[in-house]
């Protein structure tokens, strides 16, 4: 899953793809690099960020989605939003998947939309809101508590008429109300803990914990999010995800991480054939 932020303030690539033509160019580049899904978002959810209105989100994402579809790109698109109104408009414009970082809790209309549209969707775990989630995240057992959250959301959405058996995917929310050790625990355990019941998505690309680990062995200097050091750190998380059985990785650097996944799939293939 390749990230395409049409926002002015995302932590890594804010402002680069606000223009629909730039979004189309980037989407085309990602397709050439081997992306499987393009994830488009019009609202930054970096730590400390504040939400924007539905109207502003739609003004950002809909022209990009329409340009990509007019450009002949048929790769599935996911809409990264907590808003049912934005998700509905994006689905009408040609997206295929709803990616809700709030776990379909922020907007009371989201469960009805998921039931009505029958679109595949991703339920992510987040502790609190982006504005305050990193204040003091605490868990007795982060893997178990995130798993319990997924079970609760599964039951609530099923009760609302959502086809969770067919359409629900889960994302443990790396960096969303988690310490460094919480993030590492979830990366280690998510495939085994959640993968038998739901497809699992991991989004660790360029996250702050990677820089913090790298700074521990580099005289305390934290590399910039888009630096080569952080890209290699991201590649380590992607390799672990691919080798442990995670179903999808959400990343910024498509060409490089496609190569990581392809090599991991060949390693895991007993006859040496290319992985699915």
Foldseek 3Di string as FASTA:
>chain_A
DAEDELAQDAQAQHPQCQDLVSLLVVVVVLVVLPDQEYEYEHFHLAAQGDGDDLVSGCNRPLSNLLSNVVVVDQRAYEYEELDLVNRVSSVVSPHAEYEYQQQNPPYVCNLVSQQVVVGAYEGEDADDGSNCLQVDQDDPQLLVVLLVVVVVSLVVSVVSRHPCQPHYEYEDDQNRNDDLVSNVVCLQPVCPSPVVRHQYEYEPQLHPSQQQVVCVVVVNDRDRSPDPSSVVSVLVSLLSCLLSPHDYYYYHDNNVNVVSNQVSQLVVDPVSDTHD
